[in-house]
PDB file of N, CA and C in Angstrom:
ATOM      1  N   MET A   1     -15.762   9.216   7.466  1.00  0.00           N
ATOM      2  CA  MET A   1     -15.158   7.965   7.057  1.00  0.00           C
ATOM      3  C   MET A   1     -13.797   7.833   7.737  1.00  0.00           C
ATOM      4  N   SER A   2     -13.528   6.661   8.318  1.00  0.00           N
ATOM      5  CA  SER A   2     -12.264   6.446   9.023  1.00  0.00           C
ATOM      6  C   SER A   2     -11.106   6.284   8.032  1.00  0.00           C
ATOM      7  N   SER A   3      -9.907   6.385   8.548  1.00  0.00           N
ATOM      8  CA  SER A   3      -8.710   6.217   7.707  1.00  0.00           C
ATOM      9  C   SER A   3      -8.672   4.825   7.092  1.00  0.00           C
ATOM     10  N   PHE A   4      -9.072   3.825   7.875  1.00  0.00           N
ATOM     11  CA  PHE A   4      -9.090   2.455   7.374  1.00  0.00           C
ATOM     12  C   PHE A   4     -10.082   2.316   6.225  1.00  0.00           C
ATOM     13  N   GLU A   5     -11.254   2.903   6.361  1.00  0.00           N
ATOM     14  CA  GLU A   5     -12.266   2.840   5.298  1.00  0.00           C
ATOM     15  C   GLU A   5     -11.773   3.554   4.039  1.00  0.00           C
ATOM     16  N   LYS A   6     -11.101   4.685   4.220  1.00  0.00           N
ATOM     17  CA  LYS A   6     -10.533   5.403   3.071  1.00  0.00           C
ATOM     18  C   LYS A   6      -9.479   4.553   2.365  1.00  0.00           C
ATOM     19  N   LEU A   7      -8.669   3.855   3.142  1.00  0.00           N
ATOM     20  CA  LEU A   7      -7.635   2.998   2.579  1.00  0.00           C
ATOM     21  C   LEU A   7      -8.255   1.850   1.775  1.00  0.00           C
ATOM     22  N   ILE A   8      -9.284   1.220   2.313  1.00  0.00           N
ATOM     23  CA  ILE A   8      -9.960   0.117   1.623  1.00  0.00           C
ATOM     24  C   ILE A   8     -10.631   0.628   0.342  1.00  0.00           C
ATOM     25  N   LYS A   9     -11.266   1.788   0.433  1.00  0.00           N
ATOM     26  CA  LYS A   9     -11.925   2.366  -0.739  1.00  0.00           C
ATOM     27  C   LYS A   9     -10.891   2.683  -1.830  1.00  0.00           C
ATOM     28  N   ALA A  10      -9.752   3.225  -1.425  1.00  0.00           N
ATOM     29  CA  ALA A  10      -8.682   3.560  -2.376  1.00  0.00           C
ATOM     30  C   ALA A  10      -8.146   2.297  -3.044  1.00  0.00           C
ATOM     31  N   LYS A  11      -7.927   1.260  -2.247  1.00  0.00           N
ATOM     32  CA  LYS A  11      -7.432  -0.011  -2.774  1.00  0.00           C
ATOM     33  C   LYS A  11      -8.419  -0.604  -3.772  1.00  0.00           C
ATOM     34  N   THR A  12      -9.684  -0.516  -3.458  1.00  0.00           N
ATOM     35  CA  THR A  12     -10.723  -1.043  -4.334  1.00  0.00           C
ATOM     36  C   THR A  12     -10.808  -0.247  -5.630  1.00  0.00           C
ATOM     37  N   LEU A  13     -10.764   1.067  -5.531  1.00  0.00           N
ATOM     38  CA  LEU A  13     -10.838   1.920  -6.719  1.00  0.00           C
ATOM     39  C   LEU A  13      -9.701   1.618  -7.685  1.00  0.00           C
ATOM     40  N   LEU A  14      -8.510   1.397  -7.141  1.00  0.00           N
ATOM     41  CA  LEU A  14      -7.360   1.101  -7.987  1.00  0.00           C
ATOM     42  C   LEU A  14      -7.306  -0.370  -8.398  1.00  0.00           C
ATOM     43  N   GLY A  15      -8.238  -1.174  -7.902  1.00  0.00           N
ATOM     44  CA  GLY A  15      -8.316  -2.575  -8.299  1.00  0.00           C
ATOM     45  C   GLY A  15      -7.123  -3.404  -7.852  1.00  0.00           C
ATOM     46  N   LEU A  16      -6.669  -3.156  -6.633  1.00  0.00           N
ATOM     47  CA  LEU A  16      -5.478  -3.825  -6.124  1.00  0.00           C
ATOM     48  C   LEU A  16      -5.826  -5.064  -5.316  1.00  0.00           C
ATOM     49  N   ARG A  17      -4.933  -6.034  -5.369  1.00  0.00           N
ATOM     50  CA  ARG A  17      -5.112  -7.226  -4.543  1.00  0.00           C
ATOM     51  C   ARG A  17      -4.669  -6.904  -3.120  1.00  0.00           C
ATOM     52  N   GLU A  18      -4.951  -7.788  -2.205  1.00  0.00           N
ATOM     53  CA  GLU A  18      -4.682  -7.552  -0.781  1.00  0.00           C
ATOM     54  C   GLU A  18      -3.212  -7.277  -0.478  1.00  0.00           C
ATOM     55  N   THR A  19      -2.315  -7.921  -1.206  1.00  0.00           N
ATOM     56  CA  THR A  19      -0.886  -7.771  -0.932  1.00  0.00           C
ATOM     57  C   THR A  19      -0.160  -7.081  -2.086  1.00  0.00           C
ATOM     58  N   ALA A  20      -0.738  -6.037  -2.605  1.00  0.00           N
ATOM     59  CA  ALA A  20      -0.144  -5.313  -3.739  1.00  0.00           C
ATOM     60  C   ALA A  20       1.161  -4.636  -3.324  1.00  0.00           C
ATOM     61  N   SER A  21       2.114  -4.676  -4.224  1.00  0.00           N
ATOM     62  CA  SER A  21       3.389  -4.007  -3.985  1.00  0.00           C
ATOM     63  C   SER A  21       3.278  -2.543  -4.411  1.00  0.00           C
ATOM     64  N   LEU A  22       4.267  -1.763  -4.042  1.00  0.00           N
ATOM     65  CA  LEU A  22       4.301  -0.356  -4.439  1.00  0.00           C
ATOM     66  C   LEU A  22       4.353  -0.248  -5.963  1.00  0.00           C
ATOM     67  N   LYS A  23       5.078  -1.146  -6.592  1.00  0.00           N
ATOM     68  CA  LYS A  23       5.166  -1.163  -8.051  1.00  0.00           C
ATOM     69  C   LYS A  23       3.779  -1.404  -8.671  1.00  0.00           C
ATOM     70  N   GLU A  24       3.018  -2.327  -8.105  1.00  0.00           N
ATOM     71  CA  GLU A  24       1.671  -2.618  -8.607  1.00  0.00           C
ATOM     72  C   GLU A  24       0.737  -1.428  -8.399  1.00  0.00           C
ATOM     73  N   ILE A  25       0.885  -0.746  -7.287  1.00  0.00           N
ATOM     74  CA  ILE A  25       0.071   0.438  -7.003  1.00  0.00           C
ATOM     75  C   ILE A  25       0.337   1.507  -8.058  1.00  0.00           C
ATOM     76  N   LYS A  26       1.610   1.757  -8.319  1.00  0.00           N
ATOM     77  CA  LYS A  26       1.982   2.777  -9.305  1.00  0.00           C
ATOM     78  C   LYS A  26       1.513   2.408 -10.705  1.00  0.00           C
ATOM     79  N   LEU A  27       1.634   1.141 -11.066  1.00  0.00           N
ATOM     80  CA  LEU A  27       1.211   0.681 -12.390  1.00  0.00           C
ATOM     81  C   LEU A  27      -0.304   0.810 -12.552  1.00  0.00           C
ATOM     82  N   SER A  28      -1.035   0.431 -11.533  1.00  0.00           N
ATOM     83  CA  SER A  28      -2.493   0.542 -11.590  1.00  0.00           C
ATOM     84  C   SER A  28      -2.912   2.009 -11.720  1.00  0.00           C
ATOM     85  N   TYR A  29      -2.270   2.862 -10.941  1.00  0.00           N
ATOM     86  CA  TYR A  29      -2.559   4.295 -11.006  1.00  0.00           C
ATOM     87  C   TYR A  29      -2.310   4.834 -12.412  1.00  0.00           C
ATOM     88  N   LYS A  30      -1.161   4.497 -12.956  1.00  0.00           N
ATOM     89  CA  LYS A  30      -0.779   4.973 -14.288  1.00  0.00           C
ATOM     90  C   LYS A  30      -1.788   4.509 -15.342  1.00  0.00           C
ATOM     91  N   ASN A  31      -2.159   3.234 -15.299  1.00  0.00           N
ATOM     92  CA  ASN A  31      -3.108   2.688 -16.275  1.00  0.00           C
ATOM     93  C   ASN A  31      -4.495   3.316 -16.141  1.00  0.00           C
ATOM     94  N   LEU A  32      -4.957   3.514 -14.917  1.00  0.00           N
ATOM     95  CA  LEU A  32      -6.274   4.130 -14.723  1.00  0.00           C
ATOM     96  C   LEU A  32      -6.282   5.591 -15.155  1.00  0.00           C
ATOM     97  N   MET A  33      -5.178   6.298 -14.908  1.00  0.00           N
ATOM     98  CA  MET A  33      -5.117   7.699 -15.330  1.00  0.00           C
ATOM     99  C   MET A  33      -5.108   7.811 -16.851  1.00  0.00           C
ATOM    100  N   LYS A  34      -4.448   6.871 -17.511  1.00  0.00           N
ATOM    101  CA  LYS A  34      -4.485   6.853 -18.976  1.00  0.00           C
ATOM    102  C   LYS A  34      -5.911   6.618 -19.463  1.00  0.00           C
ATOM    103  N   LYS A  35      -6.579   5.685 -18.803  1.00  0.00           N
ATOM    104  CA  LYS A  35      -7.941   5.320 -19.203  1.00  0.00           C
ATOM    105  C   LYS A  35      -8.926   6.462 -18.962  1.00  0.00           C
ATOM    106  N   TRP A  36      -8.799   7.163 -17.833  1.00  0.00           N
ATOM    107  CA  TRP A  36      -9.799   8.167 -17.449  1.00  0.00           C
ATOM    108  C   TRP A  36      -9.356   9.609 -17.654  1.00  0.00           C
ATOM    109  N   HIS A  37      -8.287   9.837 -18.366  1.00  0.00           N
ATOM    110  CA  HIS A  37      -7.846  11.217 -18.581  1.00  0.00           C
ATOM    111  C   HIS A  37      -8.938  11.977 -19.345  1.00  0.00           C
ATOM    112  N   PRO A  38      -9.293  13.177 -18.885  1.00  0.00           N
ATOM    113  CA  PRO A  38     -10.373  13.949 -19.527  1.00  0.00           C
ATOM    114  C   PRO A  38     -10.171  14.197 -21.027  1.00  0.00           C
ATOM    115  N   ASP A  39      -8.936  14.286 -21.485  1.00  0.00           N
ATOM    116  CA  ASP A  39      -8.688  14.496 -22.919  1.00  0.00           C
ATOM    117  C   ASP A  39      -9.151  13.307 -23.762  1.00  0.00           C
ATOM    118  N   LYS A  40      -9.244  12.152 -23.163  1.00  0.00           N
ATOM    119  CA  LYS A  40      -9.690  10.958 -23.894  1.00  0.00           C
ATOM    120  C   LYS A  40     -11.208  10.806 -23.872  1.00  0.00           C
ATOM    121  N   HIS A  41     -11.880  11.632 -23.090  1.00  0.00           N
ATOM    122  CA  HIS A  41     -13.336  11.536 -22.949  1.00  0.00           C
ATOM    123  C   HIS A  41     -13.990  12.895 -23.225  1.00  0.00           C
ATOM    124  N   ARG A  42     -13.786  13.384 -24.397  1.00  0.00           N
ATOM    125  CA  ARG A  42     -14.325  14.702 -24.756  1.00  0.00           C
ATOM    126  C   ARG A  42     -15.852  14.721 -24.723  1.00  0.00           C
ATOM    127  N   ASP A  43     -16.459  13.561 -24.905  1.00  0.00           N
ATOM    128  CA  ASP A  43     -17.921  13.485 -24.879  1.00  0.00           C
ATOM    129  C   ASP A  43     -18.472  13.502 -23.451  1.00  0.00           C
ATOM    130  N   ASN A  44     -17.630  13.153 -22.465  1.00  0.00           N
ATOM    131  CA  ASN A  44     -18.077  13.143 -21.074  1.00  0.00           C
ATOM    132  C   ASN A  44     -16.932  13.595 -20.160  1.00  0.00           C
ATOM    133  N   VAL A  45     -16.545  14.834 -20.326  1.00  0.00           N
ATOM    134  CA  VAL A  45     -15.416  15.402 -19.587  1.00  0.00           C
ATOM    135  C   VAL A  45     -15.690  15.425 -18.090  1.00  0.00           C
ATOM    136  N   LYS A  46     -16.927  15.706 -17.705  1.00  0.00           N
ATOM    137  CA  LYS A  46     -17.270  15.801 -16.285  1.00  0.00           C
ATOM    138  C   LYS A  46     -17.017  14.471 -15.569  1.00  0.00           C
ATOM    139  N   GLN A  47     -17.474  13.368 -16.130  1.00  0.00           N
ATOM    140  CA  GLN A  47     -17.272  12.063 -15.512  1.00  0.00           C
ATOM    141  C   GLN A  47     -15.786  11.700 -15.481  1.00  0.00           C
ATOM    142  N   ALA A  48     -15.092  11.967 -16.571  1.00  0.00           N
ATOM    143  CA  ALA A  48     -13.664  11.665 -16.635  1.00  0.00           C
ATOM    144  C   ALA A  48     -12.883  12.490 -15.605  1.00  0.00           C
ATOM    145  N   THR A  49     -13.258  13.740 -15.446  1.00  0.00           N
ATOM    146  CA  THR A  49     -12.601  14.595 -14.459  1.00  0.00           C
ATOM    147  C   THR A  49     -12.862  14.080 -13.051  1.00  0.00           C
ATOM    148  N   THR A  50     -14.098  13.697 -12.769  1.00  0.00           N
ATOM    149  CA  THR A  50     -14.452  13.150 -11.462  1.00  0.00           C
ATOM    150  C   THR A  50     -13.649  11.882 -11.167  1.00  0.00           C
ATOM    151  N   MET A  51     -13.548  10.996 -12.166  1.00  0.00           N
ATOM    152  CA  MET A  51     -12.782   9.760 -11.989  1.00  0.00           C
ATOM    153  C   MET A  51     -11.299  10.067 -11.806  1.00  0.00           C
ATOM    154  N   SER A  52     -10.759  11.002 -12.561  1.00  0.00           N
ATOM    155  CA  SER A  52      -9.345  11.367 -12.435  1.00  0.00           C
ATOM    156  C   SER A  52      -9.036  11.893 -11.037  1.00  0.00           C
ATOM    157  N   VAL A  53      -9.923  12.729 -10.528  1.00  0.00           N
ATOM    158  CA  VAL A  53      -9.740  13.276  -9.180  1.00  0.00           C
ATOM    159  C   VAL A  53      -9.800  12.150  -8.149  1.00  0.00           C
ATOM    160  N   SER A  54     -10.758  11.247  -8.297  1.00  0.00           N
ATOM    161  CA  SER A  54     -10.890  10.115  -7.367  1.00  0.00           C
ATOM    162  C   SER A  54      -9.667   9.209  -7.409  1.00  0.00           C
ATOM    163  N   ILE A  55      -9.165   8.949  -8.597  1.00  0.00           N
ATOM    164  CA  ILE A  55      -7.979   8.102  -8.752  1.00  0.00           C
ATOM    165  C   ILE A  55      -6.766   8.770  -8.112  1.00  0.00           C
ATOM    166  N   ASN A  56      -6.607  10.070  -8.322  1.00  0.00           N
ATOM    167  CA  ASN A  56      -5.496  10.805  -7.700  1.00  0.00           C
ATOM    168  C   ASN A  56      -5.590  10.769  -6.178  1.00  0.00           C
ATOM    169  N   GLU A  57      -6.787  10.971  -5.639  1.00  0.00           N
ATOM    170  CA  GLU A  57      -6.975  10.933  -4.194  1.00  0.00           C
ATOM    171  C   GLU A  57      -6.668   9.552  -3.637  1.00  0.00           C
ATOM    172  N   ALA A  58      -7.125   8.508  -4.326  1.00  0.00           N
ATOM    173  CA  ALA A  58      -6.867   7.135  -3.889  1.00  0.00           C
ATOM    174  C   ALA A  58      -5.366   6.854  -3.888  1.00  0.00           C
ATOM    175  N   TYR A  59      -4.705   7.290  -4.926  1.00  0.00           N
ATOM    176  CA  TYR A  59      -3.254   7.082  -5.040  1.00  0.00           C
ATOM    177  C   TYR A  59      -2.521   7.797  -3.904  1.00  0.00           C
ATOM    178  N   GLU A  60      -2.915   9.010  -3.603  1.00  0.00           N
ATOM    179  CA  GLU A  60      -2.291   9.766  -2.517  1.00  0.00           C
ATOM    180  C   GLU A  60      -2.498   9.076  -1.173  1.00  0.00           C
ATOM    181  N   ILE A  61      -3.700   8.556  -0.939  1.00  0.00           N
ATOM    182  CA  ILE A  61      -3.995   7.843   0.311  1.00  0.00           C
ATOM    183  C   ILE A  61      -3.097   6.621   0.437  1.00  0.00           C
ATOM    184  N   LEU A  62      -2.972   5.859  -0.642  1.00  0.00           N
ATOM    185  CA  LEU A  62      -2.147   4.653  -0.611  1.00  0.00           C
ATOM    186  C   LEU A  62      -0.666   4.975  -0.445  1.00  0.00           C
ATOM    187  N   LEU A  63      -0.190   6.018  -1.126  1.00  0.00           N
ATOM    188  CA  LEU A  63       1.222   6.402  -0.969  1.00  0.00           C
ATOM    189  C   LEU A  63       1.503   6.895   0.442  1.00  0.00           C
ATOM    190  N   GLU A  64       0.581   7.642   0.996  1.00  0.00           N
ATOM    191  CA  GLU A  64       0.737   8.129   2.375  1.00  0.00           C
ATOM    192  C   GLU A  64       0.850   6.944   3.334  1.00  0.00           C
ATOM    193  N   TYR A  65       0.003   5.964   3.141  1.00  0.00           N
ATOM    194  CA  TYR A  65       0.049   4.760   3.976  1.00  0.00           C
ATOM    195  C   TYR A  65       1.393   4.052   3.802  1.00  0.00           C
ATOM    196  N   CYS A  66       1.816   3.877   2.557  1.00  0.00           N
ATOM    197  CA  CYS A  66       3.086   3.190   2.295  1.00  0.00           C
ATOM    198  C   CYS A  66       4.271   3.942   2.888  1.00  0.00           C
ATOM    199  N   ASN A  67       4.251   5.249   2.828  1.00  0.00           N
ATOM    200  CA  ASN A  67       5.360   6.049   3.341  1.00  0.00           C
ATOM    201  C   ASN A  67       5.451   6.024   4.865  1.00  0.00           C
ATOM    202  N   HIS A  68       4.334   5.785   5.545  1.00  0.00           N
ATOM    203  CA  HIS A  68       4.336   5.800   7.005  1.00  0.00           C
ATOM    204  C   HIS A  68       4.247   4.420   7.634  1.00  0.00           C
ATOM    205  N   TYR A  69       4.170   3.391   6.806  1.00  0.00           N
ATOM    206  CA  TYR A  69       4.133   2.037   7.337  1.00  0.00           C
ATOM    207  C   TYR A  69       5.547   1.650   7.729  1.00  0.00           C
ATOM    208  N   GLU A  70       5.716   1.193   8.952  1.00  0.00           N
ATOM    209  CA  GLU A  70       7.058   0.910   9.441  1.00  0.00           C
ATOM    210  C   GLU A  70       7.320  -0.591   9.494  1.00  0.00           C
ATOM    211  N   TYR A  71       8.400  -0.979   8.896  1.00  0.00           N
ATOM    212  CA  TYR A  71       8.865  -2.351   8.981  1.00  0.00           C
ATOM    213  C   TYR A  71      10.002  -2.377   9.982  1.00  0.00           C
ATOM    214  N   ASP A  72      10.000  -3.351  10.840  1.00  0.00           N
ATOM    215  CA  ASP A  72      11.076  -3.477  11.807  1.00  0.00           C
ATOM    216  C   ASP A  72      12.045  -4.551  11.322  1.00  0.00           C
ATOM    217  N   PHE A  73      13.151  -4.121  10.744  1.00  0.00           N
ATOM    218  CA  PHE A  73      14.146  -5.052  10.243  1.00  0.00           C
ATOM    219  C   PHE A  73      15.383  -5.076  11.143  1.00  0.00           C
ATOM    220  N   SER A  74      15.198  -4.719  12.400  1.00  0.00           N
ATOM    221  CA  SER A  74      16.338  -4.725  13.303  1.00  0.00           C
ATOM    222  C   SER A  74      16.802  -6.160  13.525  1.00  0.00           C
ATOM    223  N   GLU A  75      18.078  -6.298  13.788  1.00  0.00           N
ATOM    224  CA  GLU A  75      18.646  -7.632  14.006  1.00  0.00           C
ATOM    225  C   GLU A  75      17.971  -8.317  15.187  1.00  0.00           C
ATOM    226  N   GLU A  76      17.710  -7.572  16.234  1.00  0.00           N
ATOM    227  CA  GLU A  76      17.053  -8.129  17.424  1.00  0.00           C
ATOM    228  C   GLU A  76      15.668  -8.686  17.091  1.00  0.00           C
ATOM    229  N   LYS A  77      14.886  -7.952  16.310  1.00  0.00           N
ATOM    230  CA  LYS A  77      13.540  -8.396  15.927  1.00  0.00           C
ATOM    231  C   LYS A  77      13.605  -9.658  15.080  1.00  0.00           C
ATOM    232  N   ILE A  78      14.519  -9.692  14.131  1.00  0.00           N
ATOM    233  CA  ILE A  78      14.644 -10.851  13.260  1.00  0.00           C
ATOM    234  C   ILE A  78      15.050 -12.083  14.068  1.00  0.00           C
ATOM    235  N   LYS A  79      16.027 -11.920  14.949  1.00  0.00           N
ATOM    236  CA  LYS A  79      16.444 -13.045  15.793  1.00  0.00           C
ATOM    237  C   LYS A  79      15.294 -13.526  16.667  1.00  0.00           C
ATOM    238  N   ARG A  80      14.576 -12.589  17.260  1.00  0.00           N
ATOM    239  CA  ARG A  80      13.466 -12.934  18.150  1.00  0.00           C
ATOM    240  C   ARG A  80      12.388 -13.700  17.398  1.00  0.00           C
ATOM    241  N   ASP A  81      12.146 -13.332  16.146  1.00  0.00           N
ATOM    242  CA  ASP A  81      11.090 -13.975  15.370  1.00  0.00           C
ATOM    243  C   ASP A  81      11.517 -15.299  14.754  1.00  0.00           C
ATOM    244  N   TYR A  82      12.806 -15.526  14.565  1.00  0.00           N
ATOM    245  CA  TYR A  82      13.246 -16.679  13.790  1.00  0.00           C
ATOM    246  C   TYR A  82      14.177 -17.638  14.523  1.00  0.00           C
ATOM    247  N   ILE A  83      14.308 -17.513  15.830  1.00  0.00           N
ATOM    248  CA  ILE A  83      15.081 -18.505  16.557  1.00  0.00           C
ATOM    249  C   ILE A  83      14.176 -19.212  17.546  1.00  0.00           C
ATOM    250  N   THR A  84      14.581 -20.404  17.893  1.00  0.00           N
ATOM    251  CA  THR A  84      13.784 -21.182  18.846  1.00  0.00           C
ATOM    252  C   THR A  84      13.993 -20.618  20.245  1.00  0.00           C
ATOM    253  N   PRO A  85      13.087 -20.907  21.156  1.00  0.00           N
ATOM    254  CA  PRO A  85      13.285 -20.458  22.535  1.00  0.00           C
ATOM    255  C   PRO A  85      14.596 -20.971  23.142  1.00  0.00           C
ATOM    256  N   ALA A  86      14.979 -22.196  22.786  1.00  0.00           N
ATOM    257  CA  ALA A  86      16.234 -22.752  23.300  1.00  0.00           C
ATOM    258  C   ALA A  86      17.422 -21.950  22.779  1.00  0.00           C
ATOM    259  N   GLN A  87      17.391 -21.565  21.502  1.00  0.00           N
ATOM    260  CA  GLN A  87      18.477 -20.759  20.936  1.00  0.00           C
ATOM    261  C   GLN A  87      18.521 -19.387  21.604  1.00  0.00           C
ATOM    262  N   TRP A  88      17.351 -18.795  21.817  1.00  0.00           N
ATOM    263  CA  TRP A  88      17.291 -17.490  22.469  1.00  0.00           C
ATOM    264  C   TRP A  88      17.904 -17.578  23.865  1.00  0.00           C
ATOM    265  N   TRP A  89      17.526 -18.606  24.634  1.00  0.00           N
ATOM    266  CA  TRP A  89      18.024 -18.799  25.993  1.00  0.00           C
ATOM    267  C   TRP A  89      19.554 -18.942  25.975  1.00  0.00           C
ATOM    268  N   HIS A  90      20.017 -19.753  25.028  1.00  0.00           N
ATOM    269  CA  HIS A  90      21.457 -19.969  24.931  1.00  0.00           C
ATOM    270  C   HIS A  90      22.177 -18.668  24.596  1.00  0.00           C
ATOM    271  N   ASP A  91      21.631 -17.884  23.663  1.00  0.00           N
ATOM    272  CA  ASP A  91      22.245 -16.608  23.300  1.00  0.00           C
ATOM    273  C   ASP A  91      22.292 -15.646  24.476  1.00  0.00           C
ATOM    274  N   LYS A  92      21.244 -15.656  25.292  1.00  0.00           N
ATOM    275  CA  LYS A  92      21.166 -14.713  26.429  1.00  0.00           C
ATOM    276  C   LYS A  92      21.955 -15.169  27.642  1.00  0.00           C
ATOM    277  N   PHE A  93      21.877 -16.481  27.940  1.00  0.00           N
ATOM    278  CA  PHE A  93      22.406 -16.947  29.221  1.00  0.00           C
ATOM    279  C   PHE A  93      23.455 -18.054  29.120  1.00  0.00           C
ATOM    280  N   GLY A  94      23.781 -18.471  27.923  1.00  0.00           N
ATOM    281  CA  GLY A  94      24.768 -19.535  27.769  1.00  0.00           C
ATOM    282  C   GLY A  94      24.130 -20.911  27.935  1.00  0.00           C
ATOM    283  N   GLU A  95      24.922 -21.871  28.357  1.00  0.00           N
ATOM    284  CA  GLU A  95      24.440 -23.241  28.515  1.00  0.00           C
ATOM    285  C   GLU A  95      23.382 -23.334  29.600  1.00  0.00           C
ATOM    286  N   LYS A  96      22.498 -24.320  29.441  1.00  0.00           N
ATOM    287  CA  LYS A  96      21.453 -24.567  30.457  1.00  0.00           C
ATOM    288  C   LYS A  96      22.049 -25.111  31.715  1.00  0.00           C
TER     289      LYS A  96
END
C-alpha cells in the first residue's frame, strides 16, 4: 500500500473531512479511543484492541504527514502569489 493510500485510509478511519485541522484530527482520535478502549468492551476485547491499534496507527500516519508538510510563508512567495504582474514588474524594475 502506498503512502497516499495509507493517508486516505487513516483519514477515513478517523472520519475526517478533506480539510481537517490538526485540532480536529486530535479530537477525532481522542473520541474514537474513548469509544474503542478495550476496558469499555469487556465482552469483545479482541475487536476493541484491534480497533484501538488501528486508530493509533491512523493517528500516527496523520501526525507524521502534518509534521512533514511544508508551508512556504516566505515574504517572496506571498508577494509572488498575491501581486499583479504589473506590481511585480514595478517592484523588480521600476517604472515601465
